[in-house]
């Protein structure tokens, strides 16, 4: 389904600008409609929807969180954006790692964040290894209905470069990743290394510009000091990983099925299947949603 066919998405919070930009007036599009982000002389942000010349532009609710300006174009189901736990932990350093426009639908971006089967091949020049494409199955459990978390333990190459502890990308590090869907288009990922190297975490959001285009935002939090976990090395490696994803995701179709039969899935796809079921549940609960049409296959 297209973003425009999922009305419940409008009722959630999305980042629309990097905070702290003084005196700027930014035209943006959300869900196919024009809006404007304005920073006044003190840096206070405002988001407005255009209106006829004889009316005042309609203000949207605004929150400033984690170095970003957030807004919602619908009736927000929560008073604030989802919580990013690591941003509140003492000693952790937080960064807006990237804020980019991608030619990809927002659900495809989030689905990729949850997917395990693509790593060995899409990320073969960073932390994936096509010669060791064992597809472990994440353990999925529900959190706040209808959201969930997926936990996966693995050994990955390349991470020593990202973590700043070695320049040898062949060395493997064991890690446990916990990925949580905290809103329909927001994921929280915590990477744990059992004290061998500092942990880190991601907060990823896909802001829908329209059916075909999104703002992809990733926030990163590092547990180590700059000496233990240099940001420049972490960011350089993360940029390589991000570009591997972008090249593939920008070839995908924007029609994202929220049923579990329209696309082929593997046994390791427990998290991506849970994502489709979550979207289908939210779709069914929304008053304006027409009945969901499941994919039908011709008989043989």
Protein backbone atom coordinates (compact mmCIF):
# COMPACT_ATOMS: atom_id res chain seq x y z
CA UNK A 1 0.00 0.00 0.00
CA UNK A 2 1.05 3.60 -0.53
CA UNK A 3 1.65 6.04 2.31
CA UNK A 4 -1.41 8.01 1.19
CA UNK A 5 -3.53 4.87 1.73
CA UNK A 6 -2.46 4.54 5.36
CA UNK A 7 -4.30 7.42 7.08
CA UNK A 8 -3.15 6.52 10.60
CA UNK A 9 0.42 7.51 9.72
CA UNK A 10 -0.58 11.18 9.82
CA UNK A 11 -1.29 10.95 13.57
CA UNK A 12 2.35 10.41 14.57
CA UNK A 13 5.35 12.69 15.14
CA UNK A 14 8.03 13.21 12.50
CA UNK A 15 11.25 15.25 12.36
CA UNK A 16 11.06 17.98 9.72
CA UNK A 17 14.22 20.03 10.34
CA UNK A 18 17.48 20.05 12.25
CA UNK A 19 17.12 22.33 15.28
CA UNK A 20 19.17 25.42 16.01
CA UNK A 21 19.04 27.09 12.59
CA UNK A 22 18.46 30.79 13.18
CA UNK A 23 16.37 32.97 10.90
CA UNK A 24 15.63 30.31 8.29
CA UNK A 25 12.36 29.75 6.44
CA UNK A 26 12.14 26.23 5.02
CA UNK A 27 9.42 25.04 2.63
CA UNK A 28 8.71 21.33 3.13
CA UNK A 29 6.19 18.74 2.01
CA UNK A 30 4.54 16.19 4.28
CA UNK A 31 2.16 13.52 3.03
CA UNK A 32 2.09 15.28 -0.34
CA UNK A 33 1.03 18.68 1.05
CA UNK A 34 3.07 21.90 1.41
CA UNK A 35 4.15 23.21 4.82
CA UNK A 36 6.73 25.64 6.11
CA UNK A 37 9.23 25.50 8.96
CA UNK A 38 10.18 28.94 10.27
CA UNK A 39 12.81 29.76 12.87
CA UNK A 40 12.36 33.17 14.46
CA UNK A 41 15.19 35.43 15.59
CA UNK A 42 15.61 33.50 18.84
CA UNK A 43 15.72 30.12 17.07
CA UNK A 44 12.20 29.10 18.11
CA UNK A 45 10.70 26.88 15.37
CA UNK A 46 7.18 27.10 13.97
CA UNK A 47 5.51 24.78 11.45
CA UNK A 48 2.57 26.10 9.47
CA UNK A 49 0.27 24.90 6.74
CA UNK A 50 -0.45 27.35 3.91
CA UNK A 51 -3.82 29.07 3.76
CA UNK A 52 -5.65 31.43 1.42
CA UNK A 53 -4.38 35.01 1.58
CA UNK A 54 -7.32 36.18 3.68
CA UNK A 55 -6.60 33.65 6.42
CA UNK A 56 -3.76 33.05 8.83
CA UNK A 57 -1.67 29.95 8.07
CA UNK A 58 -2.65 27.06 10.32
CA UNK A 59 0.00 26.27 12.96
CA UNK A 60 0.97 22.66 13.60
CA UNK A 61 2.11 21.34 16.98
CA UNK A 62 5.89 21.45 17.39
CA UNK A 63 8.32 19.64 19.67
CA UNK A 64 12.08 20.05 19.95
CA UNK A 65 13.75 16.74 20.75
CA UNK A 66 17.23 15.29 20.24
CA UNK A 67 18.47 18.13 18.03
CA UNK A 68 15.43 17.97 15.72
CA UNK A 69 12.17 19.81 15.13
CA UNK A 70 9.17 17.43 15.14
CA UNK A 71 5.58 17.94 14.05
CA UNK A 72 2.42 16.00 13.25
CA UNK A 73 -0.15 16.82 10.58
CA UNK A 74 -2.99 14.77 12.08
CA UNK A 75 -4.42 14.17 15.51
CA UNK A 76 -1.40 13.01 17.53
CA UNK A 77 -1.86 9.74 19.37
CA UNK A 78 0.92 10.80 21.79
CA UNK A 79 1.69 14.16 23.33
CA UNK A 80 5.35 13.94 22.35
CA UNK A 81 7.66 12.07 19.97
CA UNK A 82 8.79 8.60 21.05
CA UNK A 83 11.43 8.45 23.76
CA UNK A 84 15.06 7.79 22.84
CA UNK A 85 16.40 6.19 26.06
CA UNK A 86 20.13 6.59 25.36
CA UNK A 87 19.75 10.34 24.97
CA UNK A 88 18.96 10.47 28.70
CA UNK A 89 21.81 8.23 29.89
CA UNK A 90 24.76 9.96 31.62
CA UNK A 91 27.97 9.80 29.65
CA UNK A 92 26.37 8.97 26.31
CA UNK A 93 27.08 11.28 23.36
CA UNK A 94 24.27 11.93 20.86
CA UNK A 95 24.47 13.05 17.23
CA UNK A 96 22.17 13.74 14.29
CA UNK A 97 24.01 11.34 12.01
CA UNK A 98 22.10 12.19 8.85
CA UNK A 99 18.98 14.01 7.71
CA UNK A 100 18.48 13.24 4.01
CA UNK A 101 15.82 13.03 1.32
CA UNK A 102 15.59 9.56 -0.21
CA UNK A 103 13.62 8.45 -3.27
CA UNK A 104 11.97 5.68 -1.30
CA UNK A 105 8.68 5.21 0.53
CA UNK A 106 8.84 5.54 4.30
CA UNK A 107 7.64 1.98 5.16
CA UNK A 108 10.36 0.51 2.94
CA UNK A 109 13.01 2.36 4.96
CA UNK A 110 11.64 1.09 8.27
CA UNK A 111 11.23 -2.43 6.90
CA UNK A 112 14.92 -2.36 5.95
CA UNK A 113 15.84 -1.36 9.52
CA UNK A 114 14.07 -4.48 10.76
CA UNK A 115 15.33 -6.86 8.09
CA UNK A 116 18.13 -9.34 8.74
CA UNK A 117 18.29 -11.26 5.47
CA UNK A 118 19.80 -8.42 3.41
CA UNK A 119 22.90 -7.85 5.56
CA UNK A 120 25.22 -10.49 4.08
CA UNK A 121 24.74 -9.23 0.53
CA UNK A 122 23.78 -5.55 0.64
CA UNK A 123 26.49 -4.74 3.21
CA UNK A 124 29.22 -6.93 1.78
CA UNK A 125 31.77 -4.07 1.78
CA UNK A 126 31.14 -3.12 5.42
CA UNK A 127 29.85 -5.63 8.00
CA UNK A 128 28.12 -8.25 5.83
CA UNK A 129 29.75 -11.42 4.50
CA UNK A 130 28.17 -13.33 1.59
CA UNK A 131 30.42 -16.31 2.43
CA UNK A 132 28.73 -16.52 5.82
CA UNK A 133 25.12 -15.79 5.01
CA UNK A 134 23.62 -17.74 7.88
CA UNK A 135 20.20 -16.22 8.39
CA UNK A 136 19.50 -16.25 12.10
CA UNK A 137 15.92 -15.71 13.20
CA UNK A 138 15.35 -12.79 15.59
CA UNK A 139 13.31 -13.45 18.72
CA UNK A 140 10.25 -11.21 18.48
CA UNK A 141 8.13 -10.17 21.46
CA UNK A 142 5.39 -7.58 21.81
CA UNK A 143 5.89 -4.37 23.76
CA UNK A 144 3.09 -1.78 23.86
CA UNK A 145 0.41 -3.12 21.54
CA UNK A 146 0.78 -3.29 18.56
CA UNK A 147 4.52 -2.60 18.70
CA UNK A 148 7.31 -5.12 19.24
CA UNK A 149 11.02 -5.75 19.76
CA UNK A 150 13.33 -8.15 17.96
CA UNK A 151 16.51 -9.48 19.59
CA UNK A 152 19.34 -11.06 17.59
CA UNK A 153 22.84 -12.21 18.59
CA UNK A 154 25.46 -12.39 15.86
CA UNK A 155 29.13 -11.98 14.97
CA UNK A 156 29.89 -9.24 12.46
CA UNK A 157 33.05 -8.12 10.71
CA UNK A 158 33.99 -4.49 10.17
CA UNK A 159 32.58 -3.25 13.46
CA UNK A 160 36.02 -2.72 14.95
CA UNK A 161 36.57 0.04 12.40
CA UNK A 162 33.25 1.66 13.26
CA UNK A 163 33.99 1.37 16.97
CA UNK A 164 37.46 2.81 16.56
CA UNK A 165 39.31 -0.14 18.12
CA UNK A 166 40.99 -1.64 15.03
CA UNK A 167 41.59 -0.89 11.37
CA UNK A 168 41.21 -4.54 10.39
CA UNK A 169 37.72 -4.98 8.91
CA UNK A 170 38.04 -8.79 8.92
CA UNK A 171 38.02 -9.05 12.73
CA UNK A 172 34.62 -10.16 14.03
CA UNK A 173 32.82 -8.86 17.08
CA UNK A 174 29.96 -10.54 18.86
CA UNK A 175 26.98 -8.33 19.51
CA UNK A 176 23.35 -8.47 20.55
CA UNK A 177 21.04 -6.09 18.73
CA UNK A 178 17.65 -5.15 20.14
CA UNK A 179 15.45 -3.45 17.57
CA UNK A 180 12.16 -1.92 18.69
CA UNK A 181 9.36 -0.54 16.58
CA UNK A 182 8.21 2.41 18.72
CA UNK A 183 5.94 4.10 16.16
CA UNK A 184 4.80 3.07 12.67
CA UNK A 185 7.77 4.83 11.06
CA UNK A 186 10.24 4.95 13.97
CA UNK A 187 12.75 2.36 15.18
CA UNK A 188 15.07 2.25 18.17
CA UNK A 189 18.14 -0.02 17.95
CA UNK A 190 20.55 -0.82 20.82
CA UNK A 191 23.82 -2.63 20.09
CA UNK A 192 25.40 -4.41 23.08
CA UNK A 193 28.92 -5.86 23.17
CA UNK A 194 29.08 -7.27 26.73
CA UNK A 195 31.74 -4.78 27.76
CA UNK A 196 34.28 -5.75 25.08
CA UNK A 197 33.81 -2.38 23.39
CA UNK A 198 31.40 0.51 24.11
CA UNK A 199 27.75 0.04 23.18
CA UNK A 200 25.92 2.29 20.76
CA UNK A 201 22.34 2.96 19.69
CA UNK A 202 20.34 4.31 16.77
CA UNK A 203 17.01 6.11 16.53
CA UNK A 204 15.69 5.97 12.96
CA UNK A 205 12.69 7.83 11.55
CA UNK A 206 11.26 7.99 8.04
CA UNK A 207 9.27 11.20 7.51
CA UNK A 208 6.86 10.80 4.55
CA UNK A 209 7.21 13.57 1.96
CA UNK A 210 4.81 11.74 -0.35
CA UNK A 211 4.17 8.21 -1.60
CA UNK A 212 7.54 7.99 -3.32
CA UNK A 213 9.88 10.12 -1.20
CA UNK A 214 10.94 10.37 2.45
CA UNK A 215 13.22 12.24 4.78
CA UNK A 216 15.39 9.58 6.40
CA UNK A 217 16.72 10.66 9.77
CA UNK A 218 19.11 8.72 11.95
CA UNK A 219 20.22 9.75 15.40
CA UNK A 220 23.21 7.96 16.93
CA UNK A 221 24.26 7.63 20.56
CA UNK A 222 27.69 6.38 21.65
CA UNK A 223 28.43 5.09 25.13
CA UNK A 224 32.19 5.61 24.86
CA UNK A 225 34.20 8.79 25.16
CA UNK A 226 35.69 10.46 22.10
CA UNK A 227 38.98 8.74 22.87
CA UNK A 228 37.33 5.32 23.24
CA UNK A 229 34.87 5.70 20.37
CA UNK A 230 35.91 8.47 17.93
CA UNK A 231 32.88 10.02 16.25
CA UNK A 232 34.57 10.67 12.91
CA UNK A 233 35.46 6.99 12.43
CA UNK A 234 32.05 5.84 13.61
CA UNK A 235 30.30 8.26 11.26
CA UNK A 236 32.51 7.42 8.27
CA UNK A 237 31.77 3.71 8.60
CA UNK A 238 28.07 4.39 9.19
CA UNK A 239 27.96 6.51 6.04
CA UNK A 240 29.27 3.59 4.01
CA UNK A 241 26.57 1.33 5.49
CA UNK A 242 23.89 3.93 4.83
CA UNK A 243 24.89 4.34 1.19
CA UNK A 244 24.75 0.57 0.65
CA UNK A 245 21.15 0.67 1.89
CA UNK A 246 20.20 3.75 -0.12
CA UNK A 247 21.39 2.32 -3.45
CA UNK A 248 19.08 -0.67 -3.01
CA UNK A 249 16.12 1.05 -1.35
CA UNK A 250 15.86 3.69 -4.06
CA UNK A 251 15.16 0.88 -6.56
CA UNK A 252 12.20 -0.49 -4.57
CA UNK A 253 8.58 0.15 -5.49
CA UNK A 254 6.63 2.51 -3.19
CA UNK A 255 3.67 0.13 -2.98
CA UNK A 256 4.47 -1.59 0.33
CA UNK A 257 2.27 -4.61 1.11
CA UNK A 258 1.01 -4.75 4.68
CA UNK A 259 -0.18 -8.33 4.31
CA UNK A 260 2.18 -11.29 4.63
CA UNK A 261 1.42 -13.04 1.33
CA UNK A 262 2.17 -10.49 -1.40
CA UNK A 263 5.95 -10.86 -1.13
CA UNK A 264 8.17 -13.87 -0.54
CA UNK A 265 9.55 -14.17 3.01
CA UNK A 266 12.20 -16.32 4.67
CA UNK A 267 12.15 -18.00 8.08
CA UNK A 268 14.45 -15.25 9.40
CA UNK A 269 11.90 -12.56 8.47
CA UNK A 270 10.09 -12.68 11.82
CA UNK A 271 10.64 -8.96 12.48
CA UNK A 272 9.58 -7.78 9.01
CA UNK A 273 6.50 -10.01 9.19
CA UNK A 274 5.69 -8.52 12.59
CA UNK A 275 6.00 -5.07 11.02
CA UNK A 276 3.46 -5.89 8.33
CA UNK A 277 1.05 -7.28 10.91
CA UNK A 278 1.49 -4.13 13.01
CA UNK A 279 0.64 -1.86 10.07
CA UNK A 280 -2.31 -4.07 9.14
CA UNK A 281 -3.62 -3.87 12.73
CA UNK A 282 -3.31 -0.08 12.82
CA UNK A 283 -4.96 0.15 9.42
CA UNK A 284 -7.90 -1.97 10.57
CA UNK A 285 -8.37 0.20 13.66
CA UNK A 286 -8.57 3.48 11.73
CA UNK A 287 -12.14 4.60 11.07
CA UNK A 288 -11.51 5.87 7.54
CA UNK A 289 -9.68 2.76 6.31
CA UNK A 290 -11.50 0.69 3.68
CA UNK A 291 -11.33 -3.10 4.02
CA UNK A 292 -7.86 -4.52 3.38
CA UNK A 293 -7.62 -6.54 0.21
CA UNK A 294 -5.34 -9.54 0.63
CA UNK A 295 -3.26 -10.74 -2.30
CA UNK A 296 -4.91 -13.58 -4.21
CA UNK A 297 -2.88 -15.98 -6.30
CA UNK A 298 -4.21 -17.77 -9.40
CA UNK A 299 -4.86 -21.45 -8.97
CA UNK A 300 -2.64 -23.89 -10.82
